[in-house]
Amino acid sequence: MPEGRELVQDYGQVIRKAREALQLSQEDLGRKIAEKTSVLQKLEGGRLVPPEALVQKLERTLKIKLEQAETDMPVDGKGAQPKELTLGDIAVMRKKRGEGEGSE
C-alpha cells in the first residue's frame, strides 16, 4: 500500500458486489485481470490481502475504490474516544518516571 493508505475494511465484499453488479463470474473476472479463480475466491472471502498491483487491477476493472486514507480508529470500530485518566493510571505513569514511593 502507498504511504498513508490502507485497504477498506470489507474489501472482499466490495469486490464481490462490484463483480456481481457487472454480471461477471469469478472466472470471467479472472480472465480480465489475468488472475486465478482461486485468488479471487480468497480475496472475496477475506482470506487474502491483495498486493498493490492487484488492487490497482481490481479498482480499474471493477470501477471501485479498495484503498482509503489511514485512520487511527481501532479495528473494533468503537471509535477513538479519549480515555479519562484514573488515579491508577497516574500512579503507573509516576512509577515509570521514577516518581513513586520514597523518591522524594
N, C-alpha and C. Protein backbone atom coordinates (compact mmCIF):
# COMPACT_ATOMS: atom_id res chain seq x y z
N MET A 1 0.83 -1.18 0.00
CA MET A 1 0.00 0.00 0.00
C MET A 1 0.88 1.25 0.00
N PRO A 2 0.44 2.27 -0.69
CA PRO A 2 1.17 3.53 -0.62
C PRO A 2 1.13 4.10 0.79
N GLU A 3 2.12 4.89 1.12
CA GLU A 3 2.20 5.52 2.45
C GLU A 3 0.91 6.29 2.74
N GLY A 4 0.35 6.05 3.92
CA GLY A 4 -0.86 6.75 4.34
C GLY A 4 -2.15 6.17 3.78
N ARG A 5 -2.08 5.01 3.12
CA ARG A 5 -3.26 4.37 2.55
C ARG A 5 -3.43 2.99 3.16
N GLU A 6 -4.67 2.51 3.22
CA GLU A 6 -4.96 1.17 3.71
C GLU A 6 -6.17 0.63 2.96
N LEU A 7 -6.32 -0.70 2.99
CA LEU A 7 -7.48 -1.32 2.36
C LEU A 7 -8.74 -0.99 3.14
N VAL A 8 -9.85 -0.87 2.43
CA VAL A 8 -11.12 -0.71 3.13
C VAL A 8 -11.36 -1.98 3.94
N GLN A 9 -12.07 -1.87 5.03
CA GLN A 9 -12.22 -2.98 5.96
C GLN A 9 -12.89 -4.20 5.34
N ASP A 10 -13.90 -4.01 4.53
CA ASP A 10 -14.67 -5.12 3.95
C ASP A 10 -14.35 -5.29 2.47
N TYR A 11 -13.05 -5.27 2.12
CA TYR A 11 -12.63 -5.30 0.72
C TYR A 11 -13.18 -6.52 -0.03
N GLY A 12 -13.31 -7.66 0.63
CA GLY A 12 -13.81 -8.86 -0.03
C GLY A 12 -15.25 -8.69 -0.52
N GLN A 13 -16.08 -8.11 0.33
CA GLN A 13 -17.48 -7.86 -0.04
C GLN A 13 -17.58 -6.82 -1.14
N VAL A 14 -16.72 -5.80 -1.08
CA VAL A 14 -16.72 -4.74 -2.10
C VAL A 14 -16.40 -5.36 -3.46
N ILE A 15 -15.39 -6.22 -3.49
CA ILE A 15 -15.00 -6.87 -4.74
C ILE A 15 -16.14 -7.74 -5.27
N ARG A 16 -16.71 -8.58 -4.41
CA ARG A 16 -17.78 -9.49 -4.82
C ARG A 16 -18.99 -8.73 -5.36
N LYS A 17 -19.42 -7.70 -4.62
CA LYS A 17 -20.61 -6.93 -5.04
C LYS A 17 -20.38 -6.23 -6.37
N ALA A 18 -19.18 -5.68 -6.57
CA ALA A 18 -18.87 -4.99 -7.82
C ALA A 18 -18.82 -5.99 -8.98
N ARG A 19 -18.24 -7.16 -8.74
CA ARG A 19 -18.17 -8.20 -9.77
C ARG A 19 -19.57 -8.65 -10.16
N GLU A 20 -20.40 -8.89 -9.16
CA GLU A 20 -21.77 -9.33 -9.43
C GLU A 20 -22.59 -8.24 -10.13
N ALA A 21 -22.36 -6.98 -9.78
CA ALA A 21 -23.07 -5.87 -10.42
C ALA A 21 -22.75 -5.80 -11.91
N LEU A 22 -21.53 -6.21 -12.27
CA LEU A 22 -21.13 -6.23 -13.68
C LEU A 22 -21.48 -7.57 -14.33
N GLN A 23 -22.17 -8.41 -13.58
CA GLN A 23 -22.59 -9.74 -14.05
C GLN A 23 -21.41 -10.57 -14.55
N LEU A 24 -20.33 -10.54 -13.78
CA LEU A 24 -19.14 -11.33 -14.10
C LEU A 24 -19.03 -12.49 -13.12
N SER A 25 -18.66 -13.65 -13.61
CA SER A 25 -18.34 -14.76 -12.72
C SER A 25 -16.89 -14.54 -12.24
N GLN A 26 -16.50 -15.30 -11.24
CA GLN A 26 -15.10 -15.21 -10.80
C GLN A 26 -14.17 -15.60 -11.95
N GLU A 27 -14.58 -16.56 -12.74
CA GLU A 27 -13.76 -17.00 -13.88
C GLU A 27 -13.61 -15.86 -14.90
N ASP A 28 -14.72 -15.18 -15.19
CA ASP A 28 -14.69 -14.07 -16.16
C ASP A 28 -13.76 -12.96 -15.66
N LEU A 29 -13.91 -12.59 -14.40
CA LEU A 29 -13.07 -11.54 -13.85
C LEU A 29 -11.60 -11.98 -13.85
N GLY A 30 -11.37 -13.23 -13.50
CA GLY A 30 -10.00 -13.75 -13.51
C GLY A 30 -9.35 -13.62 -14.88
N ARG A 31 -10.11 -13.93 -15.92
CA ARG A 31 -9.57 -13.78 -17.29
C ARG A 31 -9.27 -12.32 -17.61
N LYS A 32 -10.17 -11.42 -17.20
CA LYS A 32 -9.98 -10.00 -17.50
C LYS A 32 -8.73 -9.42 -16.85
N ILE A 33 -8.43 -9.88 -15.63
CA ILE A 33 -7.29 -9.30 -14.90
C ILE A 33 -6.10 -10.25 -14.80
N ALA A 34 -6.18 -11.38 -15.50
CA ALA A 34 -5.10 -12.37 -15.54
C ALA A 34 -4.75 -12.89 -14.14
N GLU A 35 -5.79 -13.31 -13.41
CA GLU A 35 -5.60 -13.91 -12.09
C GLU A 35 -6.38 -15.21 -12.02
N LYS A 36 -5.91 -16.12 -11.18
CA LYS A 36 -6.58 -17.40 -11.00
C LYS A 36 -7.88 -17.21 -10.22
N THR A 37 -8.83 -18.08 -10.50
CA THR A 37 -10.11 -18.05 -9.80
C THR A 37 -9.90 -18.26 -8.30
N SER A 38 -8.95 -19.10 -7.94
CA SER A 38 -8.69 -19.36 -6.52
C SER A 38 -8.24 -18.10 -5.79
N VAL A 39 -7.51 -17.24 -6.47
CA VAL A 39 -7.08 -15.97 -5.87
C VAL A 39 -8.30 -15.11 -5.60
N LEU A 40 -9.21 -15.05 -6.56
CA LEU A 40 -10.42 -14.24 -6.39
C LEU A 40 -11.30 -14.79 -5.28
N GLN A 41 -11.38 -16.13 -5.18
CA GLN A 41 -12.16 -16.74 -4.10
C GLN A 41 -11.60 -16.34 -2.74
N LYS A 42 -10.27 -16.37 -2.61
CA LYS A 42 -9.64 -16.00 -1.34
C LYS A 42 -9.82 -14.52 -1.04
N LEU A 43 -9.73 -13.67 -2.07
CA LEU A 43 -9.94 -12.24 -1.88
C LEU A 43 -11.35 -11.95 -1.39
N GLU A 44 -12.33 -12.51 -2.08
CA GLU A 44 -13.73 -12.26 -1.73
C GLU A 44 -14.08 -12.82 -0.36
N GLY A 45 -13.38 -13.87 0.04
CA GLY A 45 -13.60 -14.44 1.37
C GLY A 45 -12.81 -13.75 2.46
N GLY A 46 -11.99 -12.76 2.08
CA GLY A 46 -11.20 -12.02 3.07
C GLY A 46 -10.02 -12.81 3.59
N ARG A 47 -9.63 -13.88 2.90
CA ARG A 47 -8.53 -14.72 3.35
C ARG A 47 -7.21 -14.36 2.70
N LEU A 48 -7.22 -13.38 1.79
CA LEU A 48 -6.00 -12.95 1.10
C LEU A 48 -6.01 -11.44 1.01
N VAL A 49 -4.94 -10.83 1.44
CA VAL A 49 -4.79 -9.37 1.30
C VAL A 49 -4.10 -9.14 -0.04
N PRO A 50 -4.74 -8.39 -0.93
CA PRO A 50 -4.18 -8.23 -2.27
C PRO A 50 -2.95 -7.32 -2.28
N PRO A 51 -1.95 -7.68 -3.08
CA PRO A 51 -0.81 -6.77 -3.25
C PRO A 51 -1.25 -5.54 -4.04
N GLU A 52 -0.44 -4.51 -4.00
CA GLU A 52 -0.80 -3.22 -4.62
C GLU A 52 -1.15 -3.37 -6.10
N ALA A 53 -0.39 -4.16 -6.85
CA ALA A 53 -0.65 -4.32 -8.29
C ALA A 53 -2.04 -4.92 -8.53
N LEU A 54 -2.45 -5.88 -7.70
CA LEU A 54 -3.77 -6.48 -7.85
C LEU A 54 -4.87 -5.51 -7.44
N VAL A 55 -4.62 -4.72 -6.41
CA VAL A 55 -5.59 -3.69 -6.00
C VAL A 55 -5.86 -2.75 -7.18
N GLN A 56 -4.80 -2.33 -7.85
CA GLN A 56 -4.96 -1.40 -8.98
C GLN A 56 -5.75 -2.04 -10.12
N LYS A 57 -5.46 -3.31 -10.42
CA LYS A 57 -6.20 -4.00 -11.49
C LYS A 57 -7.68 -4.12 -11.14
N LEU A 58 -7.97 -4.48 -9.89
CA LEU A 58 -9.36 -4.63 -9.46
C LEU A 58 -10.09 -3.29 -9.48
N GLU A 59 -9.44 -2.25 -8.98
CA GLU A 59 -10.08 -0.92 -8.96
C GLU A 59 -10.39 -0.46 -10.39
N ARG A 60 -9.45 -0.65 -11.28
CA ARG A 60 -9.63 -0.21 -12.66
C ARG A 60 -10.73 -1.02 -13.36
N THR A 61 -10.69 -2.34 -13.22
CA THR A 61 -11.63 -3.20 -13.92
C THR A 61 -13.05 -3.11 -13.36
N LEU A 62 -13.16 -3.09 -12.04
CA LEU A 62 -14.48 -3.09 -11.39
C LEU A 62 -15.00 -1.68 -11.11
N LYS A 63 -14.16 -0.66 -11.37
CA LYS A 63 -14.53 0.75 -11.12
C LYS A 63 -14.95 0.95 -9.66
N ILE A 64 -14.05 0.51 -8.75
CA ILE A 64 -14.28 0.63 -7.32
C ILE A 64 -13.05 1.22 -6.65
N LYS A 65 -13.18 1.56 -5.39
CA LYS A 65 -12.05 2.02 -4.57
C LYS A 65 -11.86 1.01 -3.45
N LEU A 66 -10.67 0.45 -3.38
CA LEU A 66 -10.34 -0.51 -2.33
C LEU A 66 -9.42 0.08 -1.28
N GLU A 67 -8.87 1.26 -1.56
CA GLU A 67 -7.97 1.92 -0.62
C GLU A 67 -8.63 3.17 -0.06
N GLN A 68 -8.23 3.50 1.16
CA GLN A 68 -8.71 4.72 1.80
C GLN A 68 -7.56 5.31 2.61
N ALA A 69 -7.72 6.54 3.02
CA ALA A 69 -6.70 7.16 3.88
C ALA A 69 -6.65 6.40 5.20
N GLU A 70 -5.45 6.22 5.73
CA GLU A 70 -5.31 5.52 7.00
C GLU A 70 -6.09 6.25 8.08
N THR A 71 -6.67 5.46 8.99
CA THR A 71 -7.38 6.04 10.11
C THR A 71 -6.74 5.56 11.39
N ASP A 72 -6.92 6.31 12.45
CA ASP A 72 -6.41 5.92 13.75
C ASP A 72 -7.48 5.19 14.54
N MET A 73 -8.61 4.90 13.90
CA MET A 73 -9.71 4.26 14.59
C MET A 73 -9.36 2.80 14.88
N PRO A 74 -9.65 2.34 16.07
CA PRO A 74 -9.36 0.95 16.41
C PRO A 74 -10.13 -0.02 15.52
N VAL A 75 -9.60 -1.21 15.32
CA VAL A 75 -10.20 -2.20 14.46
C VAL A 75 -11.59 -2.60 14.94
N ASP A 76 -11.84 -2.55 16.24
CA ASP A 76 -13.14 -2.96 16.76
C ASP A 76 -14.26 -1.98 16.39
N GLY A 77 -13.88 -0.80 15.84
CA GLY A 77 -14.86 0.16 15.37
C GLY A 77 -15.57 0.95 16.45
N LYS A 78 -15.11 0.89 17.67
CA LYS A 78 -15.79 1.58 18.76
C LYS A 78 -15.47 3.08 18.79
N GLY A 79 -14.61 3.53 17.91
CA GLY A 79 -14.30 4.94 17.85
C GLY A 79 -13.08 5.29 18.68
N ALA A 80 -12.60 6.47 18.46
CA ALA A 80 -11.38 6.91 19.14
C ALA A 80 -11.75 7.84 20.29
N GLN A 81 -12.54 7.34 21.20
CA GLN A 81 -12.94 8.14 22.35
C GLN A 81 -11.75 8.30 23.29
N PRO A 82 -11.44 9.51 23.70
CA PRO A 82 -10.33 9.67 24.65
C PRO A 82 -10.71 9.05 25.99
N LYS A 83 -9.74 8.37 26.57
CA LYS A 83 -9.98 7.70 27.83
C LYS A 83 -9.62 8.66 28.96
N GLU A 84 -10.47 8.74 29.96
CA GLU A 84 -10.18 9.58 31.11
C GLU A 84 -9.15 8.88 31.99
N LEU A 85 -8.22 9.65 32.54
CA LEU A 85 -7.21 9.09 33.43
C LEU A 85 -7.82 8.77 34.79
N THR A 86 -7.40 7.65 35.33
CA THR A 86 -7.80 7.30 36.68
C THR A 86 -6.60 7.49 37.60
N LEU A 87 -6.83 7.44 38.91
CA LEU A 87 -5.72 7.53 39.85
C LEU A 87 -4.72 6.41 39.62
N GLY A 88 -5.21 5.22 39.26
CA GLY A 88 -4.33 4.09 38.96
C GLY A 88 -3.42 4.38 37.77
N ASP A 89 -3.97 5.04 36.71
CA ASP A 89 -3.17 5.40 35.55
C ASP A 89 -2.05 6.36 35.94
N ILE A 90 -2.38 7.33 36.79
CA ILE A 90 -1.39 8.32 37.22
C ILE A 90 -0.30 7.65 38.05
N ALA A 91 -0.70 6.72 38.92
CA ALA A 91 0.29 6.01 39.74
C ALA A 91 1.25 5.22 38.86
N VAL A 92 0.73 4.57 37.83
CA VAL A 92 1.58 3.80 36.92
C VAL A 92 2.53 4.72 36.18
N MET A 93 2.04 5.87 35.71
CA MET A 93 2.89 6.82 34.99
C MET A 93 3.99 7.34 35.91
N ARG A 94 3.65 7.66 37.14
CA ARG A 94 4.65 8.16 38.09
C ARG A 94 5.70 7.09 38.37
N LYS A 95 5.25 5.86 38.53
CA LYS A 95 6.17 4.77 38.81
C LYS A 95 7.15 4.59 37.66
N LYS A 96 6.65 4.69 36.43
CA LYS A 96 7.51 4.54 35.25
C LYS A 96 8.55 5.68 35.18
N ARG A 97 8.17 6.86 35.63
CA ARG A 97 9.08 8.00 35.59
C ARG A 97 9.97 8.04 36.83
N GLY A 98 9.75 7.15 37.77
CA GLY A 98 10.58 7.13 38.98
C GLY A 98 10.12 8.10 40.04
N GLU A 99 8.87 8.51 39.98
CA GLU A 99 8.35 9.45 40.95
C GLU A 99 7.52 8.76 42.02
N GLY A 100 7.63 7.46 42.11
CA GLY A 100 6.81 6.69 43.04
C GLY A 100 7.24 6.86 44.48
N GLU A 101 6.88 5.90 45.29
CA GLU A 101 7.14 5.94 46.72
C GLU A 101 8.61 6.12 47.02
N GLY A 102 8.90 6.93 48.02
CA GLY A 102 10.25 7.11 48.53
C GLY A 102 11.20 7.87 47.62
N SER A 103 10.72 8.47 46.55
CA SER A 103 11.64 9.19 45.66
C SER A 103 11.73 10.66 46.04
N GLU A 104 11.01 11.08 47.06
CA GLU A 104 11.02 12.49 47.43
C GLU A 104 12.01 12.76 48.53
